[in-house]
Protein backbone atom coordinates (compact mmCIF):
# COMPACT_ATOMS: atom_id res chain seq x y z
CA MET A 1 -1.95 -4.46 20.25
CA ASP A 2 0.15 -5.88 17.25
CA VAL A 3 -2.14 -6.67 14.32
CA ARG A 4 -0.88 -10.25 14.02
CA LYS A 5 -1.64 -10.92 17.71
CA LEU A 6 -5.07 -9.36 17.31
CA GLN A 7 -5.66 -11.38 14.19
CA LYS A 8 -4.71 -14.58 16.03
CA ILE A 9 -7.27 -13.80 18.90
CA ALA A 10 -10.06 -13.02 16.44
CA VAL A 11 -9.56 -16.07 14.40
CA ALA A 12 -9.27 -18.37 17.50
CA ALA A 13 -12.44 -16.74 18.90
CA LEU A 14 -14.21 -17.57 15.58
CA GLU A 15 -12.95 -21.22 15.60
CA ASP A 16 -14.09 -21.68 19.32
CA ILE A 17 -17.70 -21.42 18.30
CA LYS A 18 -17.39 -23.30 15.02
CA GLY A 19 -17.19 -20.26 12.63
CA GLU A 20 -16.89 -21.58 9.04
CA ASP A 21 -14.84 -20.55 5.94
CA ILE A 22 -12.66 -18.09 7.95
CA GLU A 23 -10.74 -15.96 5.60
CA VAL A 24 -8.22 -13.27 6.36
CA ILE A 25 -7.57 -10.58 3.78
CA ASN A 26 -4.43 -8.37 4.09
CA THR A 27 -5.53 -4.80 3.11
CA THR A 28 -2.47 -2.86 3.97
CA LYS A 29 -1.74 -2.14 0.31
CA LEU A 30 -5.38 -1.36 -0.54
CA THR A 31 -6.36 1.11 2.21
CA SER A 32 -5.03 3.02 5.08
CA LEU A 33 -8.25 2.54 7.18
CA PHE A 34 -7.39 -0.96 8.49
CA ASP A 35 -4.83 -3.66 8.04
CA ARG A 36 -6.91 -6.79 7.79
CA ILE A 37 -10.32 -8.06 7.08
CA ILE A 38 -11.57 -11.26 8.53
CA VAL A 39 -14.66 -12.91 6.92
CA ALA A 40 -16.47 -15.86 8.52
CA SER A 41 -19.75 -17.59 8.23
CA GLY A 42 -22.30 -18.62 10.84
CA ASN A 43 -25.27 -20.83 9.97
CA SER A 44 -27.98 -18.98 11.96
CA ASN A 45 -28.80 -15.51 13.42
CA ARG A 46 -27.89 -16.99 16.80
CA GLN A 47 -24.59 -18.38 15.75
CA VAL A 48 -23.57 -15.10 13.95
CA LYS A 49 -24.36 -13.13 17.04
CA SER A 50 -22.51 -15.51 19.21
CA LEU A 51 -19.49 -15.48 17.03
CA ALA A 52 -19.49 -11.72 17.09
CA ARG A 53 -19.85 -11.61 20.94
CA ASN A 54 -17.03 -14.15 21.50
CA VAL A 55 -14.67 -12.09 19.26
CA GLN A 56 -15.42 -9.08 21.28
CA ASP A 57 -15.00 -10.94 24.67
CA LYS A 58 -11.70 -12.56 23.63
CA VAL A 59 -10.27 -9.32 22.40
CA ARG A 60 -11.21 -7.44 25.53
CA GLU A 61 -9.86 -10.28 27.72
CA ALA A 62 -6.46 -10.04 25.92
CA GLY A 63 -6.48 -6.15 26.61
CA GLY A 64 -7.53 -5.04 23.08
CA GLU A 65 -10.13 -2.55 22.21
CA VAL A 66 -13.35 -3.09 20.41
CA VAL A 67 -14.16 0.18 18.57
CA GLY A 68 -17.69 -0.82 17.69
CA THR A 69 -20.22 -3.29 16.19
CA GLU A 70 -22.92 -3.10 13.73
CA GLY A 71 -25.80 -5.46 12.73
CA GLU A 72 -26.21 -7.28 16.13
CA ASP A 73 -29.98 -6.61 16.02
CA ASN A 74 -30.62 -8.63 12.87
CA GLY A 75 -27.87 -11.26 12.94
CA ASP A 76 -27.56 -11.86 9.23
CA TRP A 77 -24.35 -9.83 9.09
CA VAL A 78 -22.46 -8.56 12.10
CA LEU A 79 -19.40 -6.34 11.77
CA VAL A 80 -16.93 -6.05 14.67
CA ASP A 81 -14.52 -3.15 14.28
CA LEU A 82 -11.26 -3.85 16.13
CA GLY A 83 -9.43 -0.72 14.76
CA SER A 84 -6.70 -2.32 12.49
CA ILE A 85 -8.83 -5.29 11.86
CA VAL A 86 -12.60 -5.47 10.66
CA VAL A 87 -14.35 -8.79 11.30
CA HIS A 88 -17.42 -9.55 9.08
CA ILE A 89 -19.54 -12.48 10.29
CA MET A 90 -22.45 -13.42 7.95
CA GLN A 91 -24.79 -16.15 7.07
CA PRO A 92 -23.75 -17.99 3.85
CA ALA A 93 -26.44 -16.49 1.64
CA VAL A 94 -25.49 -12.97 2.74
CA ARG A 95 -21.81 -13.70 2.31
CA SER A 96 -22.36 -15.10 -1.13
CA TYR A 97 -24.43 -12.13 -2.22
CA TYR A 98 -21.95 -9.45 -1.04
CA ASN A 99 -18.77 -11.49 -1.92
CA LEU A 100 -16.39 -9.36 0.12
CA GLU A 101 -13.48 -11.61 -0.69
CA GLU A 102 -13.69 -10.73 -4.42
CA LEU A 103 -14.28 -7.08 -3.58
CA TRP A 104 -11.11 -6.81 -1.47
CA GLN A 105 -8.75 -9.00 -3.52
CA ALA A 106 -5.50 -7.20 -4.51
CA LYS A 107 -5.58 -8.34 -8.07
CA PRO A 108 -9.15 -8.37 -9.64
CA LYS A 109 -9.68 -10.97 -12.23
CA ARG A 110 -9.23 -9.62 -15.66
CA LYS A 111 -12.02 -10.41 -18.13
CA ALA A 112 -10.69 -12.33 -21.15
CA ARG A 113 -10.66 -10.51 -24.54
CA GLN A 114 -12.57 -12.40 -27.23
CA GLY A 115 -10.58 -15.40 -28.36
CA GLU A 116 -8.55 -15.53 -25.04
CA PRO A 117 -9.14 -18.00 -22.16
CA GLU A 118 -10.35 -16.44 -18.90
CA GLN A 119 -7.80 -16.19 -16.05
């Protein structure tokens, strides 16, 4: 399945169940393991699990493959591996702590030298 179509399906599945702060990160220039990371928040263990299950269901309904999942037992952070896209669904505190968006950004913020303003 085309990565853009897969991305559209995954984002729509997250939006269906009120996933919050959905962010798509293009990783094609950063790694050859996958093309996109999608990060979303859920407000409870139950919502995080439901979001992950909905992504899996919608991808399978569209004829896509779910390679695997991690973290469904706990529900603080569930990873759904779709091959070319990895979906991370987390509770806000976990998301803030691990800050995947900053970790995977293409251009890390440069620390200012003494006397220079920060970027």
